[in-house]
């Protein structure tokens, strides 16, 4: 097409400087026409009148064309060339990605922005200082979204500015009020969204939860966890008395009466809506409401404290959820979800624990695979390892730890299922087992509760009901508490309360100040190991007021 333009120019300007000037004038007018009349040109092809009105929008441009000393045939070739130039401009415009929406989620330790785009585009993200800014350069892109519509509340972003980069493309500047570490990745289209650019601004050193565990309680839990691992390693090595050589001679400590920590995990969130019901109810919204109600119920009970892995609408990676539970020294982890299948007929609640050898049913295998895919949506590749994997996943040590954890999970799951059956139909009468990523914490008993089928219209309506959500939260709470009342951690308030009504039987001994595990065992003619086994002690440290059963 461009050949027509230059042939006409060469023919008519060959012998005349005036015609060269005319060509330059016409070319300038043509470029102006392309810049102003692209939209009209699309509808003007083949209709010279509309083409003229598009390209000759000013008297000057009209006079220019009429006064050019070109034969009528040549003038037509010039018009054809102008249209060719316009077509090239339109093609360039069409290849640019249109950013038609920007979504933002603020979390305690990061903020996520998602750019919804009409086609893929590469980006460069970097920071600038004085003042602190994050710059996002998106190649070959245009913005059709009003950034003033973004809700920046709760995030590190004070303002968002946009502009066109020199050479083309979009520049987005984020004015931030704290130190951030940006990272970005792209996601391909799916059933719900087009191409996406995801930008995460992490807050170095920030806690992932808004209400973290008390430092003193964290220290007490660290001591317990260290003692439990030492005991387990001693069993693996075949020397059960090894960890007692030092700790067994330590005098009884004051009872800490610590809280039992429950990590409550609301599934999905942010970029990942989870399952969507027939009426548009999103799983992520329903389970967050249930999780909040469960946290309030736990926090209102003396001796218990709940932490939420997410307390708002933002995404947390599957492995990150268990890591948060570990960082907060959780005694138990419960993940809340709403089930969904293609059919609208299935209904009822289900409870899942981890399976080492595989899922216990085909539906459990399918559901585990479906839920685990959420990490792809959230931008994690699914291969992320826990920080302490090398320490705990070691042969027999892992087997022992995992077996004890799974036994506690199954026992608690049975009690939760019993409570759910009192307020809702059960999809399965027993605790199912599957390989959910969020259940794979080797040393924290964990459950995943499917509260109901959001794909069932009746249960979808129930799940939206605040009253039904409260009943579900109460049932989960009652099942977990029932387990811990039967098996309270030795340093917990529940253990201290239980022991206040004990100590009078002939086979019971109340620990006094100055006692050690060794002296109590020797005084009663038993081994330390037998004393620990009879009382389910993972640690050799005794607590004043603690009541021991003498075997």
Protein backbone atom coordinates (compact mmCIF):
# COMPACT_ATOMS: atom_id res chain seq x y z
CA UNK A 1 0.00 0.00 0.00
CA UNK A 2 2.82 2.44 0.79
CA UNK A 3 4.14 1.90 -2.75
CA UNK A 4 1.18 3.86 -4.13
CA UNK A 5 2.08 6.87 -1.99
CA UNK A 6 5.69 7.04 -3.09
CA UNK A 7 4.98 6.31 -6.75
CA UNK A 8 2.60 9.27 -6.85
CA UNK A 9 5.11 11.49 -5.11
CA UNK A 10 7.93 10.50 -7.47
CA UNK A 11 5.85 11.00 -10.60
CA UNK A 12 4.41 14.42 -9.76
CA UNK A 13 7.45 15.96 -8.06
CA UNK A 14 10.08 14.72 -10.49
CA UNK A 15 10.74 18.07 -12.22
CA UNK A 16 9.39 20.65 -9.84
CA UNK A 17 10.52 21.88 -6.42
CA UNK A 18 6.97 23.24 -6.04
CA UNK A 19 5.61 19.75 -6.36
CA UNK A 20 8.11 18.46 -3.78
CA UNK A 21 6.78 21.13 -1.48
CA UNK A 22 3.26 20.03 -2.32
CA UNK A 23 4.14 16.44 -1.49
CA UNK A 24 5.58 17.46 1.89
CA UNK A 25 2.49 19.55 2.63
CA UNK A 26 0.19 16.70 1.66
CA UNK A 27 2.17 14.17 3.72
CA UNK A 28 1.88 16.41 6.77
CA UNK A 29 -1.85 16.74 6.22
CA UNK A 30 -2.13 12.97 5.81
CA UNK A 31 -0.35 12.30 9.11
CA UNK A 32 -2.60 14.81 10.86
CA UNK A 33 -5.57 13.06 9.32
CA UNK A 34 -4.40 9.66 10.58
CA UNK A 35 -3.87 10.96 14.11
CA UNK A 36 -7.30 12.59 14.31
CA UNK A 37 -9.54 10.44 12.16
CA UNK A 38 -8.66 6.79 12.87
CA UNK A 39 -12.11 5.91 14.13
CA UNK A 40 -13.89 7.52 11.19
CA UNK A 41 -11.54 5.98 8.66
CA UNK A 42 -12.59 2.50 9.74
CA UNK A 43 -16.11 3.26 8.58
CA UNK A 44 -15.07 5.31 5.55
CA UNK A 45 -13.35 2.67 3.44
CA UNK A 46 -15.02 2.67 0.01
CA UNK A 47 -17.01 5.86 0.69
CA UNK A 48 -15.02 8.85 -0.56
CA UNK A 49 -17.32 11.46 0.91
CA UNK A 50 -16.91 10.21 4.45
CA UNK A 51 -13.18 9.71 3.86
CA UNK A 52 -12.89 13.31 2.81
CA UNK A 53 -14.79 14.51 5.86
CA UNK A 54 -12.53 12.41 8.05
CA UNK A 55 -9.24 13.51 6.54
CA UNK A 56 -10.09 17.03 5.47
CA UNK A 57 -11.54 18.34 8.67
CA UNK A 58 -10.10 21.85 8.29
CA UNK A 59 -10.32 24.41 5.43
CA UNK A 60 -6.52 24.41 5.21
CA UNK A 61 -6.38 20.65 4.62
CA UNK A 62 -9.17 20.86 2.00
CA UNK A 63 -7.42 23.71 0.14
CA UNK A 64 -4.15 21.77 0.27
CA UNK A 65 -5.58 18.81 -1.56
CA UNK A 66 -7.50 20.89 -4.11
CA UNK A 67 -4.49 23.13 -4.86
CA UNK A 68 -1.98 20.29 -5.30
CA UNK A 69 -0.87 20.15 -8.97
CA UNK A 70 -1.67 16.46 -9.39
CA UNK A 71 -3.65 14.72 -12.05
CA UNK A 72 -6.95 13.31 -10.84
CA UNK A 73 -5.64 9.74 -11.12
CA UNK A 74 -2.60 10.64 -9.09
CA UNK A 75 -4.79 12.37 -6.52
CA UNK A 76 -6.74 9.13 -6.16
CA UNK A 77 -3.49 7.25 -5.64
CA UNK A 78 -2.53 9.78 -2.94
CA UNK A 79 -5.88 9.17 -1.20
CA UNK A 80 -5.31 5.42 -1.41
CA UNK A 81 -1.85 5.88 0.13
CA UNK A 82 -3.32 7.98 2.94
CA UNK A 83 -5.76 5.22 3.68
CA UNK A 84 -2.84 2.75 3.76
CA UNK A 85 -1.03 4.88 6.31
CA UNK A 86 -4.20 5.11 8.39
CA UNK A 87 -4.62 1.34 8.23
CA UNK A 88 -1.10 0.83 9.55
CA UNK A 89 -1.84 3.19 12.41
CA UNK A 90 -5.04 1.34 13.22
CA UNK A 91 -3.23 -2.01 13.23
CA UNK A 92 -0.65 -0.64 15.66
CA UNK A 93 -3.41 0.60 17.91
CA UNK A 94 -5.20 -2.77 17.81
CA UNK A 95 -2.11 -4.64 19.02
CA UNK A 96 -1.94 -2.66 22.26
CA UNK A 97 -3.30 -4.35 25.39
CA UNK A 98 -6.24 -2.53 26.93
CA UNK A 99 -6.09 -2.46 30.74
CA UNK A 100 -9.80 -2.24 31.42
CA UNK A 101 -9.83 -2.90 35.17
CA UNK A 102 -7.53 -2.78 38.20
CA UNK A 103 -8.37 -4.66 41.40
CA UNK A 104 -6.66 -4.22 44.77
CA UNK A 105 -6.56 -6.32 47.95
CA UNK A 106 -4.88 -5.15 51.16
CA UNK A 107 -3.49 -7.72 53.62
CA UNK A 108 -1.59 -7.20 56.90
CA UNK A 109 1.75 -8.10 55.28
CA UNK A 110 1.24 -7.10 51.63
CA UNK A 111 -1.00 -5.46 49.06
CA UNK A 112 -1.90 -7.06 45.73
CA UNK A 113 -2.91 -5.28 42.52
CA UNK A 114 -4.32 -7.16 39.55
CA UNK A 115 -4.43 -5.52 36.12
CA UNK A 116 -7.10 -7.08 33.86
CA UNK A 117 -5.90 -6.84 30.25
CA UNK A 118 -7.39 -7.58 26.84
CA UNK A 119 -4.20 -9.37 25.78
CA UNK A 120 -0.81 -10.32 27.29
CA UNK A 121 1.70 -7.57 28.01
CA UNK A 122 5.12 -7.57 29.65
CA UNK A 123 5.90 -5.26 32.55
CA UNK A 124 8.86 -3.88 34.45
CA UNK A 125 8.35 -3.13 38.15
CA UNK A 126 10.89 -1.16 40.20
CA UNK A 127 11.13 1.26 43.12
CA UNK A 128 12.26 4.88 43.46
CA UNK A 129 13.21 6.83 46.60
CA UNK A 130 12.72 10.36 47.94
CA UNK A 131 9.77 10.04 47.96
CA UNK A 132 9.12 6.30 48.02
CA UNK A 133 7.41 5.10 44.86
CA UNK A 134 6.77 1.90 42.95
CA UNK A 135 6.83 2.24 39.15
CA UNK A 136 5.02 -0.22 36.90
CA UNK A 137 5.86 0.10 33.21
CA UNK A 138 3.54 -1.95 31.00
CA UNK A 139 4.66 -2.31 27.40
CA UNK A 140 2.28 -1.77 24.45
CA UNK A 141 -0.71 -0.96 26.58
CA UNK A 142 -3.47 1.58 27.10
CA UNK A 143 -5.54 2.31 30.21
CA UNK A 144 -9.33 2.63 30.05
CA UNK A 145 -9.87 2.37 33.84
CA UNK A 146 -10.21 5.31 36.20
CA UNK A 147 -7.60 4.79 38.92
CA UNK A 148 -9.50 7.20 41.18
CA UNK A 149 -12.03 4.39 41.66
CA UNK A 150 -9.46 2.25 43.53
CA UNK A 151 -10.04 1.86 47.29
CA UNK A 152 -6.58 2.27 48.82
CA UNK A 153 -7.74 1.97 52.43
CA UNK A 154 -5.66 -0.38 54.56
CA UNK A 155 -2.83 -0.55 52.02
CA UNK A 156 0.62 1.03 51.84
CA UNK A 157 -0.45 3.01 48.76
CA UNK A 158 -1.33 6.67 49.24
CA UNK A 159 -1.97 7.58 45.61
CA UNK A 160 -1.92 6.14 42.09
CA UNK A 161 -0.76 8.18 39.08
CA UNK A 162 -0.65 7.16 35.44
CA UNK A 163 0.83 8.46 32.23
CA UNK A 164 2.19 7.52 28.82
CA UNK A 165 5.84 6.56 28.70
CA UNK A 166 8.22 8.12 26.24
CA UNK A 167 8.20 5.76 23.29
CA UNK A 168 4.77 4.36 24.16
CA UNK A 169 3.27 2.11 26.76
CA UNK A 170 1.68 2.79 30.14
CA UNK A 171 3.43 3.97 33.30
CA UNK A 172 1.71 3.54 36.67
CA UNK A 173 3.29 5.20 39.70
CA UNK A 174 2.29 4.14 43.22
CA UNK A 175 3.10 6.59 46.03
CA UNK A 176 3.78 4.38 49.07
CA UNK A 177 4.05 5.21 52.77
CA UNK A 178 6.29 2.36 53.91
CA UNK A 179 9.10 0.12 52.76
CA UNK A 180 7.84 -2.41 50.21
CA UNK A 181 9.36 -5.25 48.21
CA UNK A 182 7.58 -5.56 44.84
CA UNK A 183 7.24 -8.69 42.74
CA UNK A 184 5.09 -9.42 39.71
CA UNK A 185 3.90 -12.22 37.49
CA UNK A 186 1.33 -12.75 34.73
CA UNK A 187 -1.65 -15.12 34.57
CA UNK A 188 -3.35 -16.46 31.42
CA UNK A 189 -7.11 -16.15 30.85
CA UNK A 190 -9.52 -18.48 32.64
CA UNK A 191 -13.29 -18.89 32.82
CA UNK A 192 -13.68 -15.72 34.89
CA UNK A 193 -10.89 -13.36 33.89
CA UNK A 194 -8.87 -12.25 30.87
CA UNK A 195 -5.07 -11.94 30.83
CA UNK A 196 -3.78 -10.51 34.10
CA UNK A 197 -0.72 -8.79 35.46
CA UNK A 198 -0.34 -9.32 39.21
CA UNK A 199 1.83 -6.99 41.29
CA UNK A 200 2.45 -7.82 44.96
CA UNK A 201 3.99 -5.29 47.34
CA UNK A 202 5.29 -7.22 50.36
CA UNK A 203 5.94 -5.46 53.66
CA UNK A 204 9.28 -6.78 54.97
CA UNK A 205 9.09 -7.85 58.61
CA UNK A 206 5.30 -7.41 58.88
CA UNK A 207 3.13 -10.06 60.55
CA UNK A 208 0.76 -11.97 58.27
CA UNK A 209 -1.97 -11.76 60.93
CA UNK A 210 -3.51 -8.65 62.43
CA UNK A 211 -3.76 -10.12 65.95
CA UNK A 212 -0.61 -12.21 66.51
CA UNK A 213 0.11 -14.46 69.48
CA UNK A 214 1.44 -12.92 72.70
CA UNK A 215 5.29 -13.13 72.81
CA UNK A 216 5.29 -14.81 76.23
CA UNK A 217 2.86 -17.48 75.06
CA UNK A 218 4.97 -17.91 71.93
CA UNK A 219 8.02 -18.57 74.12
CA UNK A 220 6.11 -21.16 76.18
CA UNK A 221 4.96 -22.91 73.02
CA UNK A 222 8.51 -22.90 71.62
CA UNK A 223 9.71 -24.68 74.76
CA UNK A 224 6.97 -27.28 74.41
CA UNK A 225 7.63 -27.85 70.72
CA UNK A 226 11.37 -28.22 71.31
CA UNK A 227 10.77 -30.75 74.09
CA UNK A 228 8.32 -32.73 71.94
CA UNK A 229 10.78 -32.97 69.07
CA UNK A 230 13.61 -33.98 71.39
CA UNK A 231 11.43 -36.73 72.83
CA UNK A 232 10.45 -37.98 69.37
CA UNK A 233 14.09 -38.03 68.21
CA UNK A 234 15.05 -39.95 71.33
CA UNK A 235 12.43 -42.58 70.51
CA UNK A 236 13.76 -42.84 66.94
CA UNK A 237 17.29 -43.33 68.27
CA UNK A 238 16.11 -45.99 70.73
CA UNK A 239 17.20 -44.02 73.81
CA UNK A 240 14.04 -42.83 75.48
CA UNK A 241 15.81 -41.50 78.55
CA UNK A 242 18.20 -39.22 76.65
CA UNK A 243 16.16 -36.01 76.77
CA UNK A 244 15.49 -36.59 80.50
CA UNK A 245 19.11 -36.38 81.58
CA UNK A 246 18.96 -32.59 81.95
CA UNK A 247 15.30 -31.62 81.90
CA UNK A 248 14.27 -34.32 84.41
CA UNK A 249 16.34 -32.59 87.08
CA UNK A 250 14.77 -29.16 86.50
CA UNK A 251 12.49 -28.14 89.35
CA UNK A 252 8.77 -27.73 88.65
CA UNK A 253 7.91 -24.41 87.09
CA UNK A 254 4.92 -22.15 87.81
CA UNK A 255 1.93 -23.19 85.72
CA UNK A 256 1.63 -20.84 82.69
CA UNK A 257 -2.09 -21.53 82.17
CA UNK A 258 -1.61 -20.66 78.53
CA UNK A 259 -4.29 -20.36 75.87
CA UNK A 260 -4.83 -23.10 73.32
CA UNK A 261 -4.20 -21.55 69.90
CA UNK A 262 -6.57 -22.42 67.06
CA UNK A 263 -5.66 -21.34 63.52
CA UNK A 264 -8.87 -20.66 61.57
CA UNK A 265 -8.39 -20.64 57.81
CA UNK A 266 -11.03 -19.12 55.51
CA UNK A 267 -10.46 -20.79 52.15
CA UNK A 268 -9.72 -18.94 48.90
CA UNK A 269 -9.95 -15.12 48.89
CA UNK A 270 -8.94 -12.18 46.75
CA UNK A 271 -8.14 -13.25 43.19
CA UNK A 272 -9.53 -16.73 43.93
CA UNK A 273 -13.32 -16.65 44.57
CA UNK A 274 -13.59 -20.39 45.12
CA UNK A 275 -16.82 -22.08 44.08
CA UNK A 276 -19.74 -19.93 42.91
CA UNK A 277 -23.33 -20.92 43.61
CA UNK A 278 -26.28 -20.79 41.17
CA UNK A 279 -27.27 -17.37 42.54
CA UNK A 280 -23.73 -16.00 42.36
CA UNK A 281 -22.76 -16.59 46.00
CA UNK A 282 -18.96 -16.75 46.24
CA UNK A 283 -17.34 -19.35 48.47
CA UNK A 284 -14.63 -16.94 49.61
CA UNK A 285 -17.23 -14.55 51.08
CA UNK A 286 -19.28 -17.21 52.88
CA UNK A 287 -16.34 -18.99 54.49
CA UNK A 288 -14.80 -15.71 55.66
CA UNK A 289 -18.01 -14.87 57.52
CA UNK A 290 -18.07 -18.33 59.13
CA UNK A 291 -14.38 -18.01 60.06
CA UNK A 292 -14.96 -14.64 61.71
CA UNK A 293 -17.87 -16.04 63.71
CA UNK A 294 -15.76 -19.02 64.75
CA UNK A 295 -12.92 -16.74 65.85
CA UNK A 296 -15.31 -14.66 67.97
CA UNK A 297 -16.66 -17.82 69.60
CA UNK A 298 -13.16 -19.13 70.35
CA UNK A 299 -11.85 -15.80 71.66
CA UNK A 300 -14.86 -15.53 73.96
CA UNK A 301 -13.96 -18.80 75.70
CA UNK A 302 -11.36 -18.66 78.54
CA UNK A 303 -8.30 -20.71 77.72
CA UNK A 304 -8.62 -20.38 73.94
CA UNK A 305 -7.39 -17.94 71.31
CA UNK A 306 -8.01 -17.92 67.55
CA UNK A 307 -5.91 -16.47 64.77
CA UNK A 308 -7.21 -16.00 61.23
CA UNK A 309 -4.93 -16.86 58.31
CA UNK A 310 -6.82 -14.15 56.43
CA UNK A 311 -9.23 -11.62 57.95
CA UNK A 312 -10.36 -9.90 54.76
CA UNK A 313 -10.75 -10.42 51.03
CA UNK A 314 -7.20 -11.21 49.92
CA UNK A 315 -5.40 -14.33 48.79
CA UNK A 316 -3.02 -16.39 50.93
CA UNK A 317 -1.03 -19.23 49.34
CA UNK A 318 -1.88 -22.74 50.48
CA UNK A 319 1.54 -23.44 51.97
CA UNK A 320 1.61 -19.95 53.47
CA UNK A 321 -1.54 -20.76 55.45
CA UNK A 322 0.11 -23.64 57.27
CA UNK A 323 3.25 -21.55 57.71
CA UNK A 324 1.17 -18.82 59.40
CA UNK A 325 -0.28 -21.46 61.73
CA UNK A 326 3.22 -22.63 62.62
CA UNK A 327 4.53 -19.08 63.14
CA UNK A 328 1.61 -18.41 65.49
CA UNK A 329 2.36 -21.65 67.43
CA UNK A 330 -1.08 -23.11 66.71
CA UNK A 331 -2.23 -26.22 68.57
CA UNK A 332 -4.82 -26.93 65.89
CA UNK A 333 -5.61 -25.84 62.31
CA UNK A 334 -9.08 -25.83 60.74
CA UNK A 335 -9.73 -24.76 57.13
CA UNK A 336 -13.29 -23.78 56.18
CA UNK A 337 -14.71 -24.31 52.68
CA UNK A 338 -17.98 -24.80 50.79
CA UNK A 339 -18.25 -27.77 48.46
CA UNK A 340 -19.31 -27.68 44.81
CA UNK A 341 -19.94 -30.18 42.00
CA UNK A 342 -21.52 -29.98 38.56
CA UNK A 343 -24.82 -31.39 39.77
CA UNK A 344 -27.14 -29.32 41.96
CA UNK A 345 -28.35 -32.41 43.85
CA UNK A 346 -25.57 -33.27 46.36
CA UNK A 347 -25.89 -31.69 49.79
CA UNK A 348 -24.51 -31.92 53.32
CA UNK A 349 -21.38 -31.17 55.35
CA UNK A 350 -18.12 -33.12 55.21
CA UNK A 351 -14.95 -33.23 57.31
CA UNK A 352 -11.54 -34.13 55.91
CA UNK A 353 -8.25 -35.09 57.50
CA UNK A 354 -4.96 -35.79 55.74
CA UNK A 355 -4.37 -39.13 54.08
CA UNK A 356 -0.82 -40.43 53.77
CA UNK A 357 -1.59 -43.25 51.40
CA UNK A 358 -4.14 -41.50 49.25
CA UNK A 359 -7.72 -40.33 49.36
CA UNK A 360 -10.40 -42.65 50.79
CA UNK A 361 -12.78 -42.10 47.89
CA UNK A 362 -12.76 -40.92 44.30
CA UNK A 363 -14.70 -37.80 45.28
CA UNK A 364 -12.11 -37.01 47.94
CA UNK A 365 -9.32 -37.33 45.36
CA UNK A 366 -11.15 -35.06 42.92
CA UNK A 367 -11.87 -32.46 45.59
CA UNK A 368 -8.29 -32.43 46.84
CA UNK A 369 -6.99 -31.86 43.31
CA UNK A 370 -9.57 -29.11 42.74
CA UNK A 371 -8.82 -27.21 45.94
CA UNK A 372 -5.05 -27.57 45.52
CA UNK A 373 -5.22 -25.81 42.14
CA UNK A 374 -6.02 -22.59 43.99
CA UNK A 375 -2.28 -21.95 44.41
CA UNK A 376 -1.97 -21.59 40.62
CA UNK A 377 -4.58 -18.84 40.74
CA UNK A 378 -2.75 -17.15 43.57
CA UNK A 379 0.54 -17.17 41.71
CA UNK A 380 2.39 -19.89 43.62
CA UNK A 381 3.68 -22.83 41.63
CA UNK A 382 2.69 -25.41 44.22
CA UNK A 383 6.26 -26.61 44.84
CA UNK A 384 7.01 -24.20 47.65
CA UNK A 385 8.47 -26.08 50.64
CA UNK A 386 7.91 -25.32 54.28
CA UNK A 387 10.88 -23.58 55.86
CA UNK A 388 11.57 -26.46 58.25
CA UNK A 389 11.03 -29.31 55.81
CA UNK A 390 14.60 -30.53 56.07
CA UNK A 391 14.28 -30.69 59.84
CA UNK A 392 11.04 -32.58 60.21
CA UNK A 393 10.65 -34.68 57.11
CA UNK A 394 13.24 -37.26 58.00
CA UNK A 395 12.35 -40.91 57.73
CA UNK A 396 10.93 -42.47 60.87
CA UNK A 397 10.83 -39.14 62.67
CA UNK A 398 8.32 -37.88 60.13
CA UNK A 399 6.32 -41.10 60.33
CA UNK A 400 6.02 -40.84 64.11
CA UNK A 401 5.15 -37.14 64.06
CA UNK A 402 2.68 -37.49 61.21
CA UNK A 403 1.01 -40.53 62.76
CA UNK A 404 0.40 -38.75 66.05
CA UNK A 405 -0.82 -35.65 64.23
CA UNK A 406 -3.19 -37.64 62.01
CA UNK A 407 -4.58 -39.56 64.99
CA UNK A 408 -5.41 -36.29 66.73
CA UNK A 409 -6.88 -34.92 63.50
CA UNK A 410 -9.14 -37.93 63.00
CA UNK A 411 -10.27 -37.96 66.63
CA UNK A 412 -11.13 -34.26 66.54
CA UNK A 413 -12.72 -34.65 63.11
CA UNK A 414 -15.12 -37.23 64.47
CA UNK A 415 -16.27 -34.85 67.18
CA UNK A 416 -16.66 -31.96 64.73
CA UNK A 417 -18.65 -34.20 62.39
CA UNK A 418 -20.91 -35.26 65.26
CA UNK A 419 -21.65 -31.61 66.08
CA UNK A 420 -22.28 -30.72 62.42
CA UNK A 421 -24.73 -33.61 62.14
CA UNK A 422 -26.87 -31.97 64.80
CA UNK A 423 -27.49 -28.82 62.76
CA UNK A 424 -27.06 -29.97 59.15
CA UNK A 425 -27.27 -33.04 56.93
CA UNK A 426 -24.00 -34.91 56.51
CA UNK A 427 -22.67 -35.73 53.06
CA UNK A 428 -20.54 -38.53 54.52
CA UNK A 429 -21.06 -40.23 57.86
CA UNK A 430 -17.35 -40.54 58.62
CA UNK A 431 -14.24 -38.38 58.41
CA UNK A 432 -12.90 -38.46 54.86
CA UNK A 433 -9.17 -38.39 54.11
CA UNK A 434 -7.47 -36.64 51.18
CA UNK A 435 -4.20 -34.97 50.28
CA UNK A 436 -5.15 -31.33 50.81
CA UNK A 437 -2.08 -29.08 50.86
CA UNK A 438 -3.42 -27.09 53.83
CA UNK A 439 -3.55 -30.29 55.91
CA UNK A 440 0.08 -31.24 55.32
CA UNK A 441 1.58 -29.70 58.43
CA UNK A 442 3.48 -32.60 60.04
CA UNK A 443 3.14 -31.42 63.62
CA UNK A 444 -0.18 -29.53 63.79
CA UNK A 445 -3.42 -31.56 63.86
CA UNK A 446 -5.53 -30.23 60.99
CA UNK A 447 -9.01 -30.52 59.54
CA UNK A 448 -10.75 -29.21 56.44
CA UNK A 449 -14.49 -28.64 56.86
CA UNK A 450 -16.75 -28.49 53.81
CA UNK A 451 -19.71 -26.67 55.37
CA UNK A 452 -22.16 -27.57 52.60
CA UNK A 453 -22.67 -27.68 48.85
CA UNK A 454 -22.80 -24.14 47.51
CA UNK A 455 -23.78 -25.71 44.17
CA UNK A 456 -27.07 -26.84 45.76
CA UNK A 457 -29.57 -23.93 45.59
CA UNK A 458 -31.08 -24.73 49.01
CA UNK A 459 -27.72 -25.01 50.75
CA UNK A 460 -26.47 -21.93 48.92
CA UNK A 461 -29.31 -19.95 50.52
CA UNK A 462 -28.49 -21.44 53.93
CA UNK A 463 -24.81 -20.59 53.58
CA UNK A 464 -25.75 -16.96 52.94
CA UNK A 465 -27.78 -16.88 56.16
CA UNK A 466 -25.99 -15.28 59.10
CA UNK A 467 -27.91 -17.52 61.48
CA UNK A 468 -26.85 -20.71 59.68
CA UNK A 469 -23.26 -19.45 59.52
CA UNK A 470 -23.33 -18.99 63.30
CA UNK A 471 -24.64 -22.53 63.78
CA UNK A 472 -21.87 -23.94 61.61
CA UNK A 473 -19.25 -21.95 63.53
CA UNK A 474 -20.66 -23.19 66.84
CA UNK A 475 -20.62 -26.82 65.68
CA UNK A 476 -16.96 -26.60 64.57
CA UNK A 477 -16.07 -24.85 67.83
CA UNK A 478 -17.87 -27.43 69.99
CA UNK A 479 -16.12 -30.34 68.29
CA UNK A 480 -12.64 -28.84 68.67
CA UNK A 481 -13.20 -27.80 72.30
CA UNK A 482 -14.55 -31.25 73.18
CA UNK A 483 -11.27 -32.78 72.00
CA UNK A 484 -9.09 -30.37 73.99
CA UNK A 485 -11.15 -30.78 77.14
CA UNK A 486 -10.38 -34.49 76.96
CA UNK A 487 -6.73 -33.99 75.98
CA UNK A 488 -5.54 -30.57 77.16
CA UNK A 489 -1.89 -29.61 76.59
CA UNK A 490 -0.10 -29.86 80.00
CA UNK A 491 0.76 -26.15 80.14
CA UNK A 492 -2.73 -24.95 79.16
CA UNK A 493 -5.37 -23.33 81.33
CA UNK A 494 -7.66 -26.28 80.55
CA UNK A 495 -5.10 -28.71 82.02
CA UNK A 496 -4.77 -26.58 85.16
CA UNK A 497 -8.57 -26.39 85.53
CA UNK A 498 -8.91 -30.14 85.10
CA UNK A 499 -6.29 -30.79 87.77
CA UNK A 500 -8.07 -28.64 90.34
CA UNK A 501 -10.61 -31.41 90.81
CA UNK A 502 -8.01 -34.16 90.99
CA UNK A 503 -5.19 -35.24 93.29
CA UNK A 504 -7.06 -37.07 96.03
CA UNK A 505 -6.88 -40.61 94.63
CA UNK A 506 -4.23 -43.08 95.76
CA UNK A 507 -2.73 -43.28 92.27
CA UNK A 508 -2.51 -39.50 91.82
CA UNK A 509 0.21 -37.05 92.79
CA UNK A 510 0.00 -33.25 92.80
CA UNK A 511 3.29 -31.59 91.81
CA UNK A 512 4.75 -29.23 94.44
CA UNK A 513 7.44 -26.56 94.24
CA UNK A 514 10.89 -28.20 94.16
CA UNK A 515 9.70 -31.43 92.49
CA UNK A 516 11.42 -32.81 89.41
CA UNK A 517 10.36 -35.60 87.10
CA UNK A 518 13.28 -37.66 88.39
CA UNK A 519 12.47 -37.24 92.10
CA UNK A 520 8.75 -37.98 91.59
CA UNK A 521 9.58 -41.16 89.66
CA UNK A 522 12.16 -42.32 92.24
CA UNK A 523 9.88 -41.52 95.17
CA UNK A 524 7.17 -43.72 93.75
CA UNK A 525 9.44 -46.53 92.51
CA UNK A 526 8.73 -46.11 88.81
CA UNK A 527 10.78 -45.13 85.78
CA UNK A 528 10.57 -41.66 84.31
CA UNK A 529 9.47 -43.10 80.97
CA UNK A 530 6.61 -45.03 82.58
CA UNK A 531 5.53 -41.86 84.40
CA UNK A 532 5.57 -39.87 81.16
CA UNK A 533 3.66 -42.50 79.21
CA UNK A 534 0.97 -42.75 81.89
CA UNK A 535 0.41 -39.00 81.70
CA UNK A 536 0.95 -38.38 78.01
CA UNK A 537 3.90 -36.07 78.71
CA UNK A 538 5.96 -34.91 75.74
CA UNK A 539 8.11 -32.72 77.96
CA UNK A 540 10.13 -33.49 81.10
CA UNK A 541 9.26 -30.16 82.68
CA UNK A 542 6.65 -30.37 85.45
CA UNK A 543 4.28 -27.57 86.48
CA UNK A 544 3.37 -26.66 90.05
CA UNK A 545 -0.18 -27.86 90.73
CA UNK A 546 -0.06 -30.42 87.92
CA UNK A 547 -1.61 -33.77 88.86
CA UNK A 548 0.18 -36.93 87.70
CA UNK A 549 -1.30 -40.41 87.42
CA UNK A 550 1.01 -43.00 89.01
CA UNK A 551 1.12 -46.25 86.96
